[in-house]
Amino acid sequence: MSDKTFTALEQIETKTSQIKALTIIAQGSNIEELNSEDIVHFFNTLTDMANDIQNSLATLSTTLRANQ
C-alpha cells in the first residue's frame, strides 16, 4: 500500500471516528439548551469533516487508479 493510500485511509478513519463522537455528544445534549450559534457550529463542523472525507476519498481514488 502506498503512503498516499495509507494516509487517505487513515484520514477517513479519523474523521469518521470524530463524526461518531460528535453524534454521541449531540444525542446526549438537551436541544432546548443549545443556542443557534452552537447548532450552526455543530453543523459547520460536520460539514467540514464531510468535506475532509470527500477529499481523502478523491485522493484515494486517484492513487488507486494510478497504481492500476
PDB file of N, CA and C in Angstrom:
ATOM      1  N   MET A   1       0.857  -1.171   0.000  1.00  0.00           N
ATOM      2  CA  MET A   1       0.000   0.000   0.000  1.00  0.00           C
ATOM      3  C   MET A   1       0.899   1.229   0.000  1.00  0.00           C
ATOM      4  N   SER A   2       0.589   2.165  -0.867  1.00  0.00           N
ATOM      5  CA  SER A   2       1.408   3.378  -0.946  1.00  0.00           C
ATOM      6  C   SER A   2       1.142   4.277   0.253  1.00  0.00           C
ATOM      7  N   ASP A   3       2.069   5.202   0.481  1.00  0.00           N
ATOM      8  CA  ASP A   3       1.914   6.158   1.584  1.00  0.00           C
ATOM      9  C   ASP A   3       0.663   7.012   1.414  1.00  0.00           C
ATOM     10  N   LYS A   4       0.377   7.443   0.170  1.00  0.00           N
ATOM     11  CA  LYS A   4      -0.809   8.263  -0.078  1.00  0.00           C
ATOM     12  C   LYS A   4      -2.087   7.494   0.239  1.00  0.00           C
ATOM     13  N   THR A   5      -2.114   6.217  -0.153  1.00  0.00           N
ATOM     14  CA  THR A   5      -3.289   5.384   0.127  1.00  0.00           C
ATOM     15  C   THR A   5      -3.477   5.225   1.619  1.00  0.00           C
ATOM     16  N   PHE A   6      -2.398   4.906   2.309  1.00  0.00           N
ATOM     17  CA  PHE A   6      -2.466   4.717   3.754  1.00  0.00           C
ATOM     18  C   PHE A   6      -2.918   6.000   4.451  1.00  0.00           C
ATOM     19  N   THR A   7      -2.354   7.132   4.055  1.00  0.00           N
ATOM     20  CA  THR A   7      -2.709   8.415   4.657  1.00  0.00           C
ATOM     21  C   THR A   7      -4.183   8.743   4.429  1.00  0.00           C
ATOM     22  N   ALA A   8      -4.662   8.531   3.217  1.00  0.00           N
ATOM     23  CA  ALA A   8      -6.069   8.807   2.907  1.00  0.00           C
ATOM     24  C   ALA A   8      -6.987   7.931   3.744  1.00  0.00           C
ATOM     25  N   LEU A   9      -6.665   6.655   3.849  1.00  0.00           N
ATOM     26  CA  LEU A   9      -7.486   5.751   4.662  1.00  0.00           C
ATOM     27  C   LEU A   9      -7.455   6.141   6.133  1.00  0.00           C
ATOM     28  N   GLU A  10      -6.290   6.532   6.602  1.00  0.00           N
ATOM     29  CA  GLU A  10      -6.150   6.961   7.993  1.00  0.00           C
ATOM     30  C   GLU A  10      -6.986   8.217   8.263  1.00  0.00           C
ATOM     31  N   GLN A  11      -6.965   9.168   7.340  1.00  0.00           N
ATOM     32  CA  GLN A  11      -7.750  10.399   7.492  1.00  0.00           C
ATOM     33  C   GLN A  11      -9.241  10.101   7.498  1.00  0.00           C
ATOM     34  N   ILE A  12      -9.673   9.190   6.634  1.00  0.00           N
ATOM     35  CA  ILE A  12     -11.086   8.812   6.596  1.00  0.00           C
ATOM     36  C   ILE A  12     -11.488   8.175   7.918  1.00  0.00           C
ATOM     37  N   GLU A  13     -10.661   7.296   8.424  1.00  0.00           N
ATOM     38  CA  GLU A  13     -10.954   6.641   9.699  1.00  0.00           C
ATOM     39  C   GLU A  13     -11.025   7.652  10.844  1.00  0.00           C
ATOM     40  N   THR A  14     -10.087   8.596  10.869  1.00  0.00           N
ATOM     41  CA  THR A  14     -10.071   9.617  11.917  1.00  0.00           C
ATOM     42  C   THR A  14     -11.321  10.483  11.868  1.00  0.00           C
ATOM     43  N   LYS A  15     -11.653  10.978  10.691  1.00  0.00           N
ATOM     44  CA  LYS A  15     -12.826  11.858  10.561  1.00  0.00           C
ATOM     45  C   LYS A  15     -14.113  11.105  10.868  1.00  0.00           C
ATOM     46  N   THR A  16     -14.198   9.849  10.451  1.00  0.00           N
ATOM     47  CA  THR A  16     -15.375   9.046  10.746  1.00  0.00           C
ATOM     48  C   THR A  16     -15.538   8.871  12.246  1.00  0.00           C
ATOM     49  N   SER A  17     -14.453   8.619  12.944  1.00  0.00           N
ATOM     50  CA  SER A  17     -14.495   8.488  14.403  1.00  0.00           C
ATOM     51  C   SER A  17     -14.913   9.788  15.063  1.00  0.00           C
ATOM     52  N   GLN A  18     -14.426  10.906  14.544  1.00  0.00           N
ATOM     53  CA  GLN A  18     -14.789  12.206  15.096  1.00  0.00           C
ATOM     54  C   GLN A  18     -16.277  12.499  14.885  1.00  0.00           C
ATOM     55  N   ILE A  19     -16.799  12.138  13.728  1.00  0.00           N
ATOM     56  CA  ILE A  19     -18.222  12.345  13.454  1.00  0.00           C
ATOM     57  C   ILE A  19     -19.057  11.483  14.400  1.00  0.00           C
ATOM     58  N   LYS A  20     -18.628  10.246  14.615  1.00  0.00           N
ATOM     59  CA  LYS A  20     -19.353   9.381  15.552  1.00  0.00           C
ATOM     60  C   LYS A  20     -19.349   9.988  16.951  1.00  0.00           C
ATOM     61  N   ALA A  21     -18.211  10.519  17.375  1.00  0.00           N
ATOM     62  CA  ALA A  21     -18.113  11.128  18.701  1.00  0.00           C
ATOM     63  C   ALA A  21     -19.018  12.351  18.810  1.00  0.00           C
ATOM     64  N   LEU A  22     -19.011  13.193  17.785  1.00  0.00           N
ATOM     65  CA  LEU A  22     -19.891  14.369  17.789  1.00  0.00           C
ATOM     66  C   LEU A  22     -21.356  13.963  17.842  1.00  0.00           C
ATOM     67  N   THR A  23     -21.696  12.905  17.137  1.00  0.00           N
ATOM     68  CA  THR A  23     -23.074  12.424  17.127  1.00  0.00           C
ATOM     69  C   THR A  23     -23.485  11.936  18.514  1.00  0.00           C
ATOM     70  N   ILE A  24     -22.598  11.227  19.188  1.00  0.00           N
ATOM     71  CA  ILE A  24     -22.877  10.749  20.548  1.00  0.00           C
ATOM     72  C   ILE A  24     -23.064  11.930  21.492  1.00  0.00           C
ATOM     73  N   ILE A  25     -22.198  12.930  21.364  1.00  0.00           N
ATOM     74  CA  ILE A  25     -22.318  14.137  22.200  1.00  0.00           C
ATOM     75  C   ILE A  25     -23.650  14.833  21.928  1.00  0.00           C
ATOM     76  N   ALA A  26     -23.993  14.950  20.655  1.00  0.00           N
ATOM     77  CA  ALA A  26     -25.246  15.620  20.283  1.00  0.00           C
ATOM     78  C   ALA A  26     -26.460  14.868  20.822  1.00  0.00           C
ATOM     79  N   GLN A  27     -26.397  13.554  20.809  1.00  0.00           N
ATOM     80  CA  GLN A  27     -27.514  12.763  21.311  1.00  0.00           C
ATOM     81  C   GLN A  27     -27.709  12.978  22.810  1.00  0.00           C
ATOM     82  N   GLY A  28     -26.623  13.264  23.520  1.00  0.00           N
ATOM     83  CA  GLY A  28     -26.710  13.486  24.951  1.00  0.00           C
ATOM     84  C   GLY A  28     -27.051  14.913  25.325  1.00  0.00           C
ATOM     85  N   SER A  29     -27.094  15.803  24.328  1.00  0.00           N
ATOM     86  CA  SER A  29     -27.385  17.211  24.594  1.00  0.00           C
ATOM     87  C   SER A  29     -28.880  17.453  24.638  1.00  0.00           C
ATOM     88  N   ASN A  30     -29.256  18.383  25.474  1.00  0.00           N
ATOM     89  CA  ASN A  30     -30.649  18.809  25.521  1.00  0.00           C
ATOM     90  C   ASN A  30     -30.810  19.930  24.502  1.00  0.00           C
ATOM     91  N   ILE A  31     -31.531  19.656  23.444  1.00  0.00           N
ATOM     92  CA  ILE A  31     -31.636  20.595  22.322  1.00  0.00           C
ATOM     93  C   ILE A  31     -32.157  21.957  22.757  1.00  0.00           C
ATOM     94  N   GLU A  32     -32.987  21.987  23.793  1.00  0.00           N
ATOM     95  CA  GLU A  32     -33.531  23.254  24.257  1.00  0.00           C
ATOM     96  C   GLU A  32     -32.451  24.149  24.874  1.00  0.00           C
ATOM     97  N   GLU A  33     -31.361  23.526  25.328  1.00  0.00           N
ATOM     98  CA  GLU A  33     -30.288  24.295  25.962  1.00  0.00           C
ATOM     99  C   GLU A  33     -29.291  24.853  24.956  1.00  0.00           C
ATOM    100  N   LEU A  34     -29.373  24.410  23.726  1.00  0.00           N
ATOM    101  CA  LEU A  34     -28.437  24.872  22.705  1.00  0.00           C
ATOM    102  C   LEU A  34     -28.949  26.157  22.072  1.00  0.00           C
ATOM    103  N   ASN A  35     -28.031  27.089  21.856  1.00  0.00           N
ATOM    104  CA  ASN A  35     -28.433  28.296  21.144  1.00  0.00           C
ATOM    105  C   ASN A  35     -28.123  28.123  19.656  1.00  0.00           C
ATOM    106  N   SER A  36     -28.572  29.053  18.865  1.00  0.00           N
ATOM    107  CA  SER A  36     -28.402  28.914  17.419  1.00  0.00           C
ATOM    108  C   SER A  36     -26.930  28.875  17.012  1.00  0.00           C
ATOM    109  N   GLU A  37     -26.066  29.591  17.733  1.00  0.00           N
ATOM    110  CA  GLU A  37     -24.633  29.565  17.420  1.00  0.00           C
ATOM    111  C   GLU A  37     -24.051  28.177  17.628  1.00  0.00           C
ATOM    112  N   ASP A  38     -24.472  27.495  18.701  1.00  0.00           N
ATOM    113  CA  ASP A  38     -23.998  26.134  18.960  1.00  0.00           C
ATOM    114  C   ASP A  38     -24.427  25.186  17.846  1.00  0.00           C
ATOM    115  N   ILE A  39     -25.667  25.326  17.427  1.00  0.00           N
ATOM    116  CA  ILE A  39     -26.205  24.451  16.381  1.00  0.00           C
ATOM    117  C   ILE A  39     -25.492  24.709  15.055  1.00  0.00           C
ATOM    118  N   VAL A  40     -25.294  25.974  14.717  1.00  0.00           N
ATOM    119  CA  VAL A  40     -24.581  26.320  13.480  1.00  0.00           C
ATOM    120  C   VAL A  40     -23.148  25.788  13.533  1.00  0.00           C
ATOM    121  N   HIS A  41     -22.491  25.956  14.657  1.00  0.00           N
ATOM    122  CA  HIS A  41     -21.115  25.454  14.809  1.00  0.00           C
ATOM    123  C   HIS A  41     -21.073  23.939  14.636  1.00  0.00           C
ATOM    124  N   PHE A  42     -22.026  23.236  15.247  1.00  0.00           N
ATOM    125  CA  PHE A  42     -22.091  21.784  15.136  1.00  0.00           C
ATOM    126  C   PHE A  42     -22.210  21.352  13.677  1.00  0.00           C
ATOM    127  N   PHE A  43     -23.152  21.956  12.953  1.00  0.00           N
ATOM    128  CA  PHE A  43     -23.348  21.572  11.557  1.00  0.00           C
ATOM    129  C   PHE A  43     -22.189  22.013  10.668  1.00  0.00           C
ATOM    130  N   ASN A  44     -21.578  23.155  10.960  1.00  0.00           N
ATOM    131  CA  ASN A  44     -20.391  23.568  10.199  1.00  0.00           C
ATOM    132  C   ASN A  44     -19.251  22.581  10.418  1.00  0.00           C
ATOM    133  N   THR A  45     -19.098  22.120  11.644  1.00  0.00           N
ATOM    134  CA  THR A  45     -18.061  21.138  11.948  1.00  0.00           C
ATOM    135  C   THR A  45     -18.311  19.843  11.190  1.00  0.00           C
ATOM    136  N   LEU A  46     -19.558  19.381  11.186  1.00  0.00           N
ATOM    137  CA  LEU A  46     -19.897  18.165  10.439  1.00  0.00           C
ATOM    138  C   LEU A  46     -19.647  18.356   8.939  1.00  0.00           C
ATOM    139  N   THR A  47     -19.997  19.528   8.425  1.00  0.00           N
ATOM    140  CA  THR A  47     -19.769  19.814   7.009  1.00  0.00           C
ATOM    141  C   THR A  47     -18.282  19.797   6.681  1.00  0.00           C
ATOM    142  N   ASP A  48     -17.476  20.414   7.528  1.00  0.00           N
ATOM    143  CA  ASP A  48     -16.022  20.413   7.319  1.00  0.00           C
ATOM    144  C   ASP A  48     -15.468  18.991   7.322  1.00  0.00           C
ATOM    145  N   MET A  49     -15.939  18.183   8.249  1.00  0.00           N
ATOM    146  CA  MET A  49     -15.468  16.796   8.325  1.00  0.00           C
ATOM    147  C   MET A  49     -15.898  16.000   7.097  1.00  0.00           C
ATOM    148  N   ALA A  50     -17.115  16.218   6.647  1.00  0.00           N
ATOM    149  CA  ALA A  50     -17.590  15.530   5.444  1.00  0.00           C
ATOM    150  C   ALA A  50     -16.752  15.944   4.231  1.00  0.00           C
ATOM    151  N   ASN A  51     -16.410  17.216   4.141  1.00  0.00           N
ATOM    152  CA  ASN A  51     -15.548  17.686   3.049  1.00  0.00           C
ATOM    153  C   ASN A  51     -14.164  17.058   3.130  1.00  0.00           C
ATOM    154  N   ASP A  52     -13.624  16.933   4.343  1.00  0.00           N
ATOM    155  CA  ASP A  52     -12.326  16.273   4.522  1.00  0.00           C
ATOM    156  C   ASP A  52     -12.380  14.818   4.056  1.00  0.00           C
ATOM    157  N   ILE A  53     -13.469  14.137   4.375  1.00  0.00           N
ATOM    158  CA  ILE A  53     -13.628  12.751   3.947  1.00  0.00           C
ATOM    159  C   ILE A  53     -13.727  12.676   2.428  1.00  0.00           C
ATOM    160  N   GLN A  54     -14.485  13.583   1.825  1.00  0.00           N
ATOM    161  CA  GLN A  54     -14.581  13.618   0.361  1.00  0.00           C
ATOM    162  C   GLN A  54     -13.215  13.817  -0.275  1.00  0.00           C
ATOM    163  N   ASN A  55     -12.432  14.733   0.273  1.00  0.00           N
ATOM    164  CA  ASN A  55     -11.094  14.985  -0.269  1.00  0.00           C
ATOM    165  C   ASN A  55     -10.204  13.763  -0.117  1.00  0.00           C
ATOM    166  N   SER A  56     -10.292  13.096   1.017  1.00  0.00           N
ATOM    167  CA  SER A  56      -9.494  11.894   1.236  1.00  0.00           C
ATOM    168  C   SER A  56      -9.915  10.783   0.277  1.00  0.00           C
ATOM    169  N   LEU A  57     -11.212  10.654   0.037  1.00  0.00           N
ATOM    170  CA  LEU A  57     -11.692   9.651  -0.912  1.00  0.00           C
ATOM    171  C   LEU A  57     -11.225   9.966  -2.328  1.00  0.00           C
ATOM    172  N   ALA A  58     -11.210  11.235  -2.686  1.00  0.00           N
ATOM    173  CA  ALA A  58     -10.719  11.621  -4.013  1.00  0.00           C
ATOM    174  C   ALA A  58      -9.239  11.289  -4.155  1.00  0.00           C
ATOM    175  N   THR A  59      -8.466  11.569  -3.110  1.00  0.00           N
ATOM    176  CA  THR A  59      -7.038  11.226  -3.121  1.00  0.00           C
ATOM    177  C   THR A  59      -6.855   9.726  -3.246  1.00  0.00           C
ATOM    178  N   LEU A  60      -7.624   8.991  -2.480  1.00  0.00           N
ATOM    179  CA  LEU A  60      -7.552   7.530  -2.511  1.00  0.00           C
ATOM    180  C   LEU A  60      -7.902   7.009  -3.894  1.00  0.00           C
ATOM    181  N   SER A  61      -8.952   7.531  -4.476  1.00  0.00           N
ATOM    182  CA  SER A  61      -9.372   7.100  -5.807  1.00  0.00           C
ATOM    183  C   SER A  61      -8.295   7.385  -6.848  1.00  0.00           C
ATOM    184  N   THR A  62      -7.738   8.580  -6.810  1.00  0.00           N
ATOM    185  CA  THR A  62      -6.679   8.958  -7.754  1.00  0.00           C
ATOM    186  C   THR A  62      -5.462   8.051  -7.606  1.00  0.00           C
ATOM    187  N   THR A  63      -5.088   7.806  -6.355  1.00  0.00           N
ATOM    188  CA  THR A  63      -3.917   6.965  -6.087  1.00  0.00           C
ATOM    189  C   THR A  63      -4.143   5.537  -6.564  1.00  0.00           C
ATOM    190  N   LEU A  64      -5.321   5.004  -6.285  1.00  0.00           N
ATOM    191  CA  LEU A  64      -5.617   3.635  -6.703  1.00  0.00           C
ATOM    192  C   LEU A  64      -5.667   3.513  -8.222  1.00  0.00           C
ATOM    193  N   ARG A  65      -6.207   4.518  -8.887  1.00  0.00           N
ATOM    194  CA  ARG A  65      -6.238   4.489 -10.373  1.00  0.00           C
ATOM    195  C   ARG A  65      -4.831   4.566 -10.941  1.00  0.00           C
ATOM    196  N   ALA A  66      -3.987   5.361 -10.329  1.00  0.00           N
ATOM    197  CA  ALA A  66      -2.604   5.496 -10.810  1.00  0.00           C
ATOM    198  C   ALA A  66      -1.822   4.210 -10.611  1.00  0.00           C
ATOM    199  N   ASN A  67      -2.212   3.414  -9.628  1.00  0.00           N
ATOM    200  CA  ASN A  67      -1.493   2.168  -9.326  1.00  0.00           C
ATOM    201  C   ASN A  67      -2.002   0.987 -10.117  1.00  0.00           C
ATOM    202  N   GLN A  68      -3.040   1.190 -10.936  1.00  0.00           N
ATOM    203  CA  GLN A  68      -3.582   0.057 -11.737  1.00  0.00           C
ATOM    204  C   GLN A  68      -2.678  -0.298 -12.865  1.00  0.00           C
TER     205      GLN A  68
END
